[in-house]
Amino acid sequence: IDGFDVRNYGELTGLPCAKVFFAELLGCKPEECFIGGNASLT
């Protein structure tokens, strides 16, 4: 996606497209999102 291979290292804060998705869901801004693993509890 966007020339980046998601199978590799990198993007500690999460994929830009994932930030856009969650920002729309929550009503905040993509730059305010950090994307994690399966559990928000973590």
PDB file of all heavy atoms in Angstrom:
ATOM      1  N   ILE A   1       0.857  -1.187   0.000  1.00  0.00           N
ATOM      2  CA  ILE A   1       0.000   0.000   0.000  1.00  0.00           C
ATOM      3  C   ILE A   1       0.890   1.234   0.000  1.00  0.00           C
ATOM      4  O   ILE A   1       1.826   1.351   0.792  1.00  0.00           O
ATOM      5  CB  ILE A   1      -0.968   0.010   1.209  1.00  0.00           C
ATOM      6  CG1 ILE A   1      -1.875   1.233   1.130  1.00  0.00           C
ATOM      7  CG2 ILE A   1      -0.237  -0.075   2.534  1.00  0.00           C
ATOM      8  CD1 ILE A   1      -3.050   1.195   2.072  1.00  0.00           C
ATOM      9  N   ASP A   2       0.625   2.133  -0.926  1.00  0.00           N
ATOM     10  CA  ASP A   2       1.415   3.360  -1.068  1.00  0.00           C
ATOM     11  C   ASP A   2       2.902   3.053  -1.184  1.00  0.00           C
ATOM     12  O   ASP A   2       3.749   3.763  -0.630  1.00  0.00           O
ATOM     13  CB  ASP A   2       1.155   4.301   0.114  1.00  0.00           C
ATOM     14  CG  ASP A   2      -0.299   4.754   0.181  1.00  0.00           C
ATOM     15  OD1 ASP A   2      -0.927   4.865  -0.897  1.00  0.00           O
ATOM     16  OD2 ASP A   2      -0.808   4.986   1.286  1.00  0.00           O
ATOM     17  N   GLY A   3       3.215   1.955  -1.873  1.00  0.00           N
ATOM     18  CA  GLY A   3       4.602   1.582  -2.078  1.00  0.00           C
ATOM     19  C   GLY A   3       5.263   0.915  -0.889  1.00  0.00           C
ATOM     20  O   GLY A   3       6.451   0.579  -0.933  1.00  0.00           O
ATOM     21  N   PHE A   4       4.486   0.689   0.194  1.00  0.00           N
ATOM     22  CA  PHE A   4       5.049   0.089   1.409  1.00  0.00           C
ATOM     23  C   PHE A   4       4.556  -1.347   1.554  1.00  0.00           C
ATOM     24  O   PHE A   4       3.368  -1.620   1.408  1.00  0.00           O
ATOM     25  CB  PHE A   4       4.643   0.915   2.637  1.00  0.00           C
ATOM     26  CG  PHE A   4       5.189   0.390   3.934  1.00  0.00           C
ATOM     27  CD1 PHE A   4       6.498   0.652   4.300  1.00  0.00           C
ATOM     28  CD2 PHE A   4       4.394  -0.378   4.777  1.00  0.00           C
ATOM     29  CE1 PHE A   4       7.008   0.160   5.491  1.00  0.00           C
ATOM     30  CE2 PHE A   4       4.891  -0.871   5.961  1.00  0.00           C
ATOM     31  CZ  PHE A   4       6.203  -0.601   6.324  1.00  0.00           C
ATOM     32  N   ASP A   5       5.476  -2.247   1.879  1.00  0.00           N
ATOM     33  CA  ASP A   5       5.139  -3.658   2.085  1.00  0.00           C
ATOM     34  C   ASP A   5       4.844  -3.884   3.563  1.00  0.00           C
ATOM     35  O   ASP A   5       5.741  -3.803   4.410  1.00  0.00           O
ATOM     36  CB  ASP A   5       6.315  -4.537   1.634  1.00  0.00           C
ATOM     37  CG  ASP A   5       5.944  -6.019   1.570  1.00  0.00           C
ATOM     38  OD1 ASP A   5       5.036  -6.437   2.323  1.00  0.00           O
ATOM     39  OD2 ASP A   5       6.577  -6.750   0.787  1.00  0.00           O
ATOM     40  N   VAL A   6       3.576  -4.152   3.879  1.00  0.00           N
ATOM     41  CA  VAL A   6       3.169  -4.260   5.283  1.00  0.00           C
ATOM     42  C   VAL A   6       3.732  -5.501   5.970  1.00  0.00           C
ATOM     43  O   VAL A   6       3.629  -5.639   7.189  1.00  0.00           O
ATOM     44  CB  VAL A   6       1.626  -4.253   5.413  1.00  0.00           C
ATOM     45  CG1 VAL A   6       1.051  -2.964   4.844  1.00  0.00           C
ATOM     46  CG2 VAL A   6       0.998  -5.468   4.721  1.00  0.00           C
ATOM     47  N   ARG A   7       4.328  -6.392   5.220  1.00  0.00           N
ATOM     48  CA  ARG A   7       4.904  -7.598   5.809  1.00  0.00           C
ATOM     49  C   ARG A   7       6.263  -7.324   6.451  1.00  0.00           C
ATOM     50  O   ARG A   7       6.802  -8.175   7.158  1.00  0.00           O
ATOM     51  CB  ARG A   7       5.049  -8.689   4.741  1.00  0.00           C
ATOM     52  CG  ARG A   7       3.736  -9.130   4.104  1.00  0.00           C
ATOM     53  CD  ARG A   7       3.956 -10.036   2.902  1.00  0.00           C
ATOM     54  NE  ARG A   7       4.686  -9.337   1.836  1.00  0.00           N
ATOM     55  CZ  ARG A   7       5.032  -9.895   0.691  1.00  0.00           C
ATOM     56  NH1 ARG A   7       4.716 -11.163   0.452  1.00  0.00           N
ATOM     57  NH2 ARG A   7       5.677  -9.202  -0.226  1.00  0.00           N
ATOM     58  N   ASN A   8       6.794  -6.132   6.238  1.00  0.00           N
ATOM     59  CA  ASN A   8       8.147  -5.823   6.678  1.00  0.00           C
ATOM     60  C   ASN A   8       8.142  -4.951   7.928  1.00  0.00           C
ATOM     61  O   ASN A   8       7.095  -4.545   8.429  1.00  0.00           O
ATOM     62  CB  ASN A   8       8.918  -5.125   5.554  1.00  0.00           C
ATOM     63  CG  ASN A   8      10.378  -5.524   5.524  1.00  0.00           C
ATOM     64  OD1 ASN A   8      10.979  -5.810   6.552  1.00  0.00           O
ATOM     65  ND2 ASN A   8      10.938  -5.563   4.317  1.00  0.00           N
ATOM     66  N   TYR A   9       9.330  -4.669   8.440  1.00  0.00           N
ATOM     67  CA  TYR A   9       9.483  -3.762   9.576  1.00  0.00           C
ATOM     68  C   TYR A   9       9.001  -2.356   9.221  1.00  0.00           C
ATOM     69  O   TYR A   9       8.897  -1.987   8.059  1.00  0.00           O
ATOM     70  CB  TYR A   9      10.958  -3.659   9.973  1.00  0.00           C
ATOM     71  CG  TYR A   9      11.536  -4.860  10.684  1.00  0.00           C
ATOM     72  CD1 TYR A   9      12.739  -5.427  10.250  1.00  0.00           C
ATOM     73  CD2 TYR A   9      10.917  -5.407  11.796  1.00  0.00           C
ATOM     74  CE1 TYR A   9      13.301  -6.509  10.901  1.00  0.00           C
ATOM     75  CE2 TYR A   9      11.470  -6.491  12.459  1.00  0.00           C
ATOM     76  CZ  TYR A   9      12.667  -7.039  12.016  1.00  0.00           C
ATOM     77  OH  TYR A   9      13.218  -8.107  12.671  1.00  0.00           O
ATOM     78  N   GLY A  10       8.744  -1.565  10.277  1.00  0.00           N
ATOM     79  CA  GLY A  10       8.468  -0.151  10.057  1.00  0.00           C
ATOM     80  C   GLY A  10       7.085   0.281  10.486  1.00  0.00           C
ATOM     81  O   GLY A  10       6.228  -0.533  10.844  1.00  0.00           O
ATOM     82  N   GLU A  11       6.879   1.595  10.447  1.00  0.00           N
ATOM     83  CA  GLU A  11       5.586   2.212  10.787  1.00  0.00           C
ATOM     84  C   GLU A  11       5.172   1.873  12.218  1.00  0.00           C
ATOM     85  O   GLU A  11       4.107   1.300  12.477  1.00  0.00           O
ATOM     86  CB  GLU A  11       4.490   1.782   9.795  1.00  0.00           C
ATOM     87  CG  GLU A  11       4.771   2.182   8.361  1.00  0.00           C
ATOM     88  CD  GLU A  11       4.640   3.669   8.111  1.00  0.00           C
ATOM     89  OE1 GLU A  11       4.220   4.400   9.029  1.00  0.00           O
ATOM     90  OE2 GLU A  11       4.986   4.096   6.994  1.00  0.00           O
ATOM     91  N   LEU A  12       6.002   2.267  13.184  1.00  0.00           N
ATOM     92  CA  LEU A  12       5.725   1.997  14.600  1.00  0.00           C
ATOM     93  C   LEU A  12       4.354   2.494  15.024  1.00  0.00           C
ATOM     94  O   LEU A  12       3.632   1.817  15.771  1.00  0.00           O
ATOM     95  CB  LEU A  12       6.809   2.640  15.470  1.00  0.00           C
ATOM     96  CG  LEU A  12       6.567   2.645  16.994  1.00  0.00           C
ATOM     97  CD1 LEU A  12       6.491   1.220  17.528  1.00  0.00           C
ATOM     98  CD2 LEU A  12       7.647   3.432  17.702  1.00  0.00           C
ATOM     99  N   THR A  13       3.966   3.662  14.561  1.00  0.00           N
ATOM    100  CA  THR A  13       2.697   4.246  15.010  1.00  0.00           C
ATOM    101  C   THR A  13       1.489   3.735  14.239  1.00  0.00           C
ATOM    102  O   THR A  13       0.358   4.102  14.555  1.00  0.00           O
ATOM    103  CB  THR A  13       2.741   5.784  14.896  1.00  0.00           C
ATOM    104  OG1 THR A  13       2.948   6.149  13.525  1.00  0.00           O
ATOM    105  CG2 THR A  13       3.868   6.354  15.742  1.00  0.00           C
ATOM    106  N   GLY A  14       1.720   2.873  13.239  1.00  0.00           N
ATOM    107  CA  GLY A  14       0.613   2.290  12.488  1.00  0.00           C
ATOM    108  C   GLY A  14       0.531   2.796  11.064  1.00  0.00           C
ATOM    109  O   GLY A  14       1.092   3.851  10.722  1.00  0.00           O
ATOM    110  N   LEU A  15      -0.166   2.060  10.233  1.00  0.00           N
ATOM    111  CA  LEU A  15      -0.338   2.453   8.840  1.00  0.00           C
ATOM    112  C   LEU A  15      -1.151   3.744   8.742  1.00  0.00           C
ATOM    113  O   LEU A  15      -2.163   3.908   9.447  1.00  0.00           O
ATOM    114  CB  LEU A  15      -1.045   1.360   8.052  1.00  0.00           C
ATOM    115  CG  LEU A  15      -0.304   0.031   7.873  1.00  0.00           C
ATOM    116  CD1 LEU A  15      -1.202  -0.956   7.140  1.00  0.00           C
ATOM    117  CD2 LEU A  15       1.003   0.245   7.128  1.00  0.00           C
ATOM    118  N   PRO A  16      -0.773   4.655   7.860  1.00  0.00           N
ATOM    119  CA  PRO A  16      -1.560   5.881   7.678  1.00  0.00           C
ATOM    120  C   PRO A  16      -3.031   5.606   7.371  1.00  0.00           C
ATOM    121  O   PRO A  16      -3.919   6.306   7.859  1.00  0.00           O
ATOM    122  CB  PRO A  16      -0.852   6.570   6.504  1.00  0.00           C
ATOM    123  CG  PRO A  16       0.570   6.113   6.618  1.00  0.00           C
ATOM    124  CD  PRO A  16       0.483   4.674   7.079  1.00  0.00           C
ATOM    125  N   CYS A  17      -3.304   4.578   6.562  1.00  0.00           N
ATOM    126  CA  CYS A  17      -4.706   4.272   6.226  1.00  0.00           C
ATOM    127  C   CYS A  17      -5.489   3.810   7.450  1.00  0.00           C
ATOM    128  O   CYS A  17      -6.694   4.085   7.569  1.00  0.00           O
ATOM    129  CB  CYS A  17      -4.779   3.232   5.111  1.00  0.00           C
ATOM    130  SG  CYS A  17      -4.038   1.629   5.509  1.00  0.00           S
ATOM    131  N   ALA A  18      -4.826   3.129   8.387  1.00  0.00           N
ATOM    132  CA  ALA A  18      -5.493   2.700   9.619  1.00  0.00           C
ATOM    133  C   ALA A  18      -5.782   3.905  10.512  1.00  0.00           C
ATOM    134  O   ALA A  18      -6.822   3.972  11.176  1.00  0.00           O
ATOM    135  CB  ALA A  18      -4.634   1.683  10.357  1.00  0.00           C
ATOM    136  N   LYS A  19      -4.867   4.857  10.518  1.00  0.00           N
ATOM    137  CA  LYS A  19      -5.096   6.081  11.300  1.00  0.00           C
ATOM    138  C   LYS A  19      -6.283   6.861  10.745  1.00  0.00           C
ATOM    139  O   LYS A  19      -7.105   7.383  11.504  1.00  0.00           O
ATOM    140  CB  LYS A  19      -3.841   6.954  11.281  1.00  0.00           C
ATOM    141  CG  LYS A  19      -2.641   6.338  11.971  1.00  0.00           C
ATOM    142  CD  LYS A  19      -1.435   7.263  11.869  1.00  0.00           C
ATOM    143  CE  LYS A  19      -0.190   6.631  12.452  1.00  0.00           C
ATOM    144  NZ  LYS A  19       0.988   7.521  12.364  1.00  0.00           N
ATOM    145  N   VAL A  20      -6.384   6.918   9.429  1.00  0.00           N
ATOM    146  CA  VAL A  20      -7.515   7.612   8.793  1.00  0.00           C
ATOM    147  C   VAL A  20      -8.828   6.927   9.160  1.00  0.00           C
ATOM    148  O   VAL A  20      -9.824   7.586   9.487  1.00  0.00           O
ATOM    149  CB  VAL A  20      -7.330   7.655   7.264  1.00  0.00           C
ATOM    150  CG1 VAL A  20      -8.614   8.117   6.573  1.00  0.00           C
ATOM    151  CG2 VAL A  20      -6.172   8.574   6.895  1.00  0.00           C
ATOM    152  N   PHE A  21      -8.834   5.593   9.143  1.00  0.00           N
ATOM    153  CA  PHE A  21     -10.046   4.847   9.467  1.00  0.00           C
ATOM    154  C   PHE A  21     -10.487   5.126  10.905  1.00  0.00           C
ATOM    155  O   PHE A  21     -11.656   5.455  11.163  1.00  0.00           O
ATOM    156  CB  PHE A  21      -9.822   3.352   9.270  1.00  0.00           C
ATOM    157  CG  PHE A  21     -10.953   2.500   9.782  1.00  0.00           C
ATOM    158  CD1 PHE A  21     -12.119   2.377   9.047  1.00  0.00           C
ATOM    159  CD2 PHE A  21     -10.865   1.863  11.014  1.00  0.00           C
ATOM    160  CE1 PHE A  21     -13.187   1.619   9.524  1.00  0.00           C
ATOM    161  CE2 PHE A  21     -11.922   1.100  11.498  1.00  0.00           C
ATOM    162  CZ  PHE A  21     -13.079   0.976  10.756  1.00  0.00           C
ATOM    163  N   PHE A  22      -9.575   4.986  11.858  1.00  0.00           N
ATOM    164  CA  PHE A  22      -9.954   5.170  13.262  1.00  0.00           C
ATOM    165  C   PHE A  22     -10.270   6.630  13.577  1.00  0.00           C
ATOM    166  O   PHE A  22     -11.129   6.917  14.423  1.00  0.00           O
ATOM    167  CB  PHE A  22      -8.855   4.649  14.184  1.00  0.00           C
ATOM    168  CG  PHE A  22      -8.941   3.174  14.450  1.00  0.00           C
ATOM    169  CD1 PHE A  22      -8.021   2.305  13.909  1.00  0.00           C
ATOM    170  CD2 PHE A  22      -9.965   2.650  15.231  1.00  0.00           C
ATOM    171  CE1 PHE A  22      -8.104   0.935  14.148  1.00  0.00           C
ATOM    172  CE2 PHE A  22     -10.061   1.296  15.478  1.00  0.00           C
ATOM    173  CZ  PHE A  22      -9.128   0.430  14.936  1.00  0.00           C
ATOM    174  N   ALA A  23      -9.595   7.559  12.906  1.00  0.00           N
ATOM    175  CA  ALA A  23      -9.895   8.971  13.128  1.00  0.00           C
ATOM    176  C   ALA A  23     -11.331   9.282  12.711  1.00  0.00           C
ATOM    177  O   ALA A  23     -12.043  10.019  13.406  1.00  0.00           O
ATOM    178  CB  ALA A  23      -8.910   9.845  12.345  1.00  0.00           C
ATOM    179  N   GLU A  24     -11.772   8.709  11.602  1.00  0.00           N
ATOM    180  CA  GLU A  24     -13.157   8.915  11.180  1.00  0.00           C
ATOM    181  C   GLU A  24     -14.119   8.278  12.171  1.00  0.00           C
ATOM    182  O   GLU A  24     -15.164   8.845  12.507  1.00  0.00           O
ATOM    183  CB  GLU A  24     -13.393   8.329   9.783  1.00  0.00           C
ATOM    184  CG  GLU A  24     -14.795   8.635   9.267  1.00  0.00           C
ATOM    185  CD  GLU A  24     -15.171   7.905   7.996  1.00  0.00           C
ATOM    186  OE1 GLU A  24     -14.447   6.971   7.602  1.00  0.00           O
ATOM    187  OE2 GLU A  24     -16.209   8.254   7.410  1.00  0.00           O
ATOM    188  N   LEU A  25     -13.757   7.107  12.674  1.00  0.00           N
ATOM    189  CA  LEU A  25     -14.603   6.399  13.629  1.00  0.00           C
ATOM    190  C   LEU A  25     -14.789   7.207  14.911  1.00  0.00           C
ATOM    191  O   LEU A  25     -15.904   7.316  15.441  1.00  0.00           O
ATOM    192  CB  LEU A  25     -13.977   5.039  13.949  1.00  0.00           C
ATOM    193  CG  LEU A  25     -14.915   3.895  14.315  1.00  0.00           C
ATOM    194  CD1 LEU A  25     -15.822   3.559  13.156  1.00  0.00           C
ATOM    195  CD2 LEU A  25     -14.089   2.673  14.713  1.00  0.00           C
ATOM    196  N   LEU A  26     -13.701   7.775  15.413  1.00  0.00           N
ATOM    197  CA  LEU A  26     -13.722   8.454  16.713  1.00  0.00           C
ATOM    198  C   LEU A  26     -14.004   9.943  16.610  1.00  0.00           C
ATOM    199  O   LEU A  26     -14.348  10.576  17.605  1.00  0.00           O
ATOM    200  CB  LEU A  26     -12.390   8.242  17.429  1.00  0.00           C
ATOM    201  CG  LEU A  26     -12.006   6.790  17.738  1.00  0.00           C
ATOM    202  CD1 LEU A  26     -10.631   6.736  18.397  1.00  0.00           C
ATOM    203  CD2 LEU A  26     -13.052   6.113  18.621  1.00  0.00           C
ATOM    204  N   GLY A  27     -13.799  10.525  15.416  1.00  0.00           N
ATOM    205  CA  GLY A  27     -14.025  11.947  15.243  1.00  0.00           C
ATOM    206  C   GLY A  27     -12.798  12.804  15.495  1.00  0.00           C
ATOM    207  O   GLY A  27     -12.886  14.029  15.536  1.00  0.00           O
ATOM    208  N   CYS A  28     -11.648  12.165  15.679  1.00  0.00           N
ATOM    209  CA  CYS A  28     -10.415  12.904  15.933  1.00  0.00           C
ATOM    210  C   CYS A  28      -9.615  13.050  14.636  1.00  0.00           C
ATOM    211  O   CYS A  28     -10.147  12.861  13.539  1.00  0.00           O
ATOM    212  CB  CYS A  28      -9.593  12.220  17.016  1.00  0.00           C
ATOM    213  SG  CYS A  28      -9.065  10.540  16.616  1.00  0.00           S
ATOM    214  N   LYS A  29      -8.323  13.379  14.746  1.00  0.00           N
ATOM    215  CA  LYS A  29      -7.471  13.573  13.574  1.00  0.00           C
ATOM    216  C   LYS A  29      -6.540  12.369  13.389  1.00  0.00           C
ATOM    217  O   LYS A  29      -6.119  11.764  14.374  1.00  0.00           O
ATOM    218  CB  LYS A  29      -6.634  14.835  13.740  1.00  0.00           C
ATOM    219  CG  LYS A  29      -7.446  16.098  13.957  1.00  0.00           C
ATOM    220  CD  LYS A  29      -6.547  17.278  14.265  1.00  0.00           C
ATOM    221  CE  LYS A  29      -7.353  18.540  14.555  1.00  0.00           C
ATOM    222  NZ  LYS A  29      -6.463  19.686  14.923  1.00  0.00           N
ATOM    223  N   PRO A  30      -6.195  12.021  12.146  1.00  0.00           N
ATOM    224  CA  PRO A  30      -5.300  10.879  11.927  1.00  0.00           C
ATOM    225  C   PRO A  30      -3.984  11.003  12.679  1.00  0.00           C
ATOM    226  O   PRO A  30      -3.464  10.003  13.194  1.00  0.00           O
ATOM    227  CB  PRO A  30      -5.083  10.897  10.409  1.00  0.00           C
ATOM    228  CG  PRO A  30      -6.317  11.529   9.856  1.00  0.00           C
ATOM    229  CD  PRO A  30      -6.694  12.575  10.854  1.00  0.00           C
ATOM    230  N   GLU A  31      -3.441  12.209  12.767  1.00  0.00           N
ATOM    231  CA  GLU A  31      -2.156  12.386  13.457  1.00  0.00           C
ATOM    232  C   GLU A  31      -2.276  12.222  14.964  1.00  0.00           C
ATOM    233  O   GLU A  31      -1.259  12.184  15.681  1.00  0.00           O
ATOM    234  CB  GLU A  31      -1.551  13.751  13.120  1.00  0.00           C
ATOM    235  CG  GLU A  31      -2.382  14.948  13.508  1.00  0.00           C
ATOM    236  CD  GLU A  31      -3.303  15.443  12.391  1.00  0.00           C
ATOM    237  OE1 GLU A  31      -3.705  14.607  11.546  1.00  0.00           O
ATOM    238  OE2 GLU A  31      -3.606  16.652  12.381  1.00  0.00           O
ATOM    239  N   GLU A  32      -3.503  12.097  15.457  1.00  0.00           N
ATOM    240  CA  GLU A  32      -3.720  11.856  16.891  1.00  0.00           C
ATOM    241  C   GLU A  32      -3.898  10.377  17.207  1.00  0.00           C
ATOM    242  O   GLU A  32      -4.222  10.020  18.340  1.00  0.00           O
ATOM    243  CB  GLU A  32      -4.959  12.631  17.357  1.00  0.00           C
ATOM    244  CG  GLU A  32      -4.800  14.140  17.284  1.00  0.00           C
ATOM    245  CD  GLU A  32      -6.083  14.904  17.582  1.00  0.00           C
ATOM    246  OE1 GLU A  32      -7.171  14.433  17.181  1.00  0.00           O
ATOM    247  OE2 GLU A  32      -5.992  15.971  18.226  1.00  0.00           O
ATOM    248  N   CYS A  33      -3.677   9.502  16.225  1.00  0.00           N
ATOM    249  CA  CYS A  33      -3.926   8.071  16.397  1.00  0.00           C
ATOM    250  C   CYS A  33      -2.627   7.263  16.388  1.00  0.00           C
ATOM    251  O   CYS A  33      -1.774   7.452  15.520  1.00  0.00           O
ATOM    252  CB  CYS A  33      -4.845   7.550  15.289  1.00  0.00           C
ATOM    253  SG  CYS A  33      -6.533   8.196  15.365  1.00  0.00           S
ATOM    254  N   PHE A  34      -2.535   6.360  17.324  1.00  0.00           N
ATOM    255  CA  PHE A  34      -1.460   5.351  17.371  1.00  0.00           C
ATOM    256  C   PHE A  34      -2.153   3.999  17.255  1.00  0.00           C
ATOM    257  O   PHE A  34      -3.029   3.670  18.065  1.00  0.00           O
ATOM    258  CB  PHE A  34      -0.684   5.449  18.693  1.00  0.00           C
ATOM    259  CG  PHE A  34       0.432   4.450  18.837  1.00  0.00           C
ATOM    260  CD1 PHE A  34       1.750   4.822  18.623  1.00  0.00           C
ATOM    261  CD2 PHE A  34       0.179   3.124  19.187  1.00  0.00           C
ATOM    262  CE1 PHE A  34       2.795   3.905  18.761  1.00  0.00           C
ATOM    263  CE2 PHE A  34       1.202   2.204  19.312  1.00  0.00           C
ATOM    264  CZ  PHE A  34       2.515   2.599  19.097  1.00  0.00           C
ATOM    265  N   ILE A  35      -1.773   3.198  16.261  1.00  0.00           N
ATOM    266  CA  ILE A  35      -2.454   1.931  16.004  1.00  0.00           C
ATOM    267  C   ILE A  35      -1.682   0.791  16.667  1.00  0.00           C
ATOM    268  O   ILE A  35      -0.470   0.648  16.486  1.00  0.00           O
ATOM    269  CB  ILE A  35      -2.576   1.664  14.495  1.00  0.00           C
ATOM    270  CG1 ILE A  35      -3.143   2.904  13.782  1.00  0.00           C
ATOM    271  CG2 ILE A  35      -3.461   0.441  14.252  1.00  0.00           C
ATOM    272  CD1 ILE A  35      -4.493   3.363  14.279  1.00  0.00           C
ATOM    273  N   GLY A  36      -2.390  -0.018  17.443  1.00  0.00           N
ATOM    274  CA  GLY A  36      -1.758  -1.110  18.177  1.00  0.00           C
ATOM    275  C   GLY A  36      -2.190  -2.479  17.703  1.00  0.00           C
ATOM    276  O   GLY A  36      -2.678  -2.652  16.580  1.00  0.00           O
ATOM    277  N   GLY A  37      -2.025  -3.450  18.571  1.00  0.00           N
ATOM    278  CA  GLY A  37      -2.381  -4.826  18.262  1.00  0.00           C
ATOM    279  C   GLY A  37      -3.843  -5.106  18.500  1.00  0.00           C
ATOM    280  O   GLY A  37      -4.690  -4.214  18.367  1.00  0.00           O
ATOM    281  N   ASN A  38      -4.157  -6.343  18.892  1.00  0.00           N
ATOM    282  CA  ASN A  38      -5.567  -6.733  18.933  1.00  0.00           C
ATOM    283  C   ASN A  38      -6.330  -6.190  20.135  1.00  0.00           C
ATOM    284  O   ASN A  38      -7.550  -6.164  20.130  1.00  0.00           O
ATOM    285  CB  ASN A  38      -5.683  -8.266  18.914  1.00  0.00           C
ATOM    286  CG  ASN A  38      -5.320  -8.887  20.248  1.00  0.00           C
ATOM    287  OD1 ASN A  38      -4.167  -8.785  20.684  1.00  0.00           O
ATOM    288  ND2 ASN A  38      -6.267  -9.523  20.899  1.00  0.00           N
ATOM    289  N   ALA A  39      -5.637  -5.734  21.197  1.00  0.00           N
ATOM    290  CA  ALA A  39      -6.335  -5.401  22.442  1.00  0.00           C
ATOM    291  C   ALA A  39      -6.062  -3.975  22.888  1.00  0.00           C
ATOM    292  O   ALA A  39      -4.912  -3.601  23.143  1.00  0.00           O
ATOM    293  CB  ALA A  39      -5.917  -6.371  23.546  1.00  0.00           C
ATOM    294  N   SER A  40      -7.111  -3.175  23.005  1.00  0.00           N
ATOM    295  CA  SER A  40      -6.943  -1.825  23.559  1.00  0.00           C
ATOM    296  C   SER A  40      -6.528  -1.899  25.022  1.00  0.00           C
ATOM    297  O   SER A  40      -5.875  -0.980  25.531  1.00  0.00           O
ATOM    298  CB  SER A  40      -8.243  -1.033  23.407  1.00  0.00           C
ATOM    299  OG  SER A  40      -9.330  -1.690  24.018  1.00  0.00           O
ATOM    300  N   LEU A  41      -6.892  -2.970  25.715  1.00  0.00           N
ATOM    301  CA  LEU A  41      -6.485  -3.126  27.106  1.00  0.00           C
ATOM    302  C   LEU A  41      -4.962  -3.116  27.238  1.00  0.00           C
ATOM    303  O   LEU A  41      -4.409  -2.574  28.200  1.00  0.00           O
ATOM    304  CB  LEU A  41      -7.061  -4.420  27.694  1.00  0.00           C
ATOM    305  CG  LEU A  41      -6.768  -4.682  29.170  1.00  0.00           C
ATOM    306  CD1 LEU A  41      -7.429  -3.633  30.053  1.00  0.00           C
ATOM    307  CD2 LEU A  41      -7.236  -6.077  29.574  1.00  0.00           C
ATOM    308  N   THR A  42      -4.273  -3.687  26.261  1.00  0.00           N
ATOM    309  CA  THR A  42      -2.811  -3.681  26.278  1.00  0.00           C
ATOM    310  C   THR A  42      -2.276  -2.255  26.211  1.00  0.00           C
ATOM    311  O   THR A  42      -1.341  -1.886  26.937  1.00  0.00           O
ATOM    312  CB  THR A  42      -2.259  -4.499  25.094  1.00  0.00           C
ATOM    313  OG1 THR A  42      -2.748  -5.836  25.181  1.00  0.00           O
ATOM    314  CG2 THR A  42      -0.743  -4.523  25.104  1.00  0.00           C
TER     315      THR A  42
END
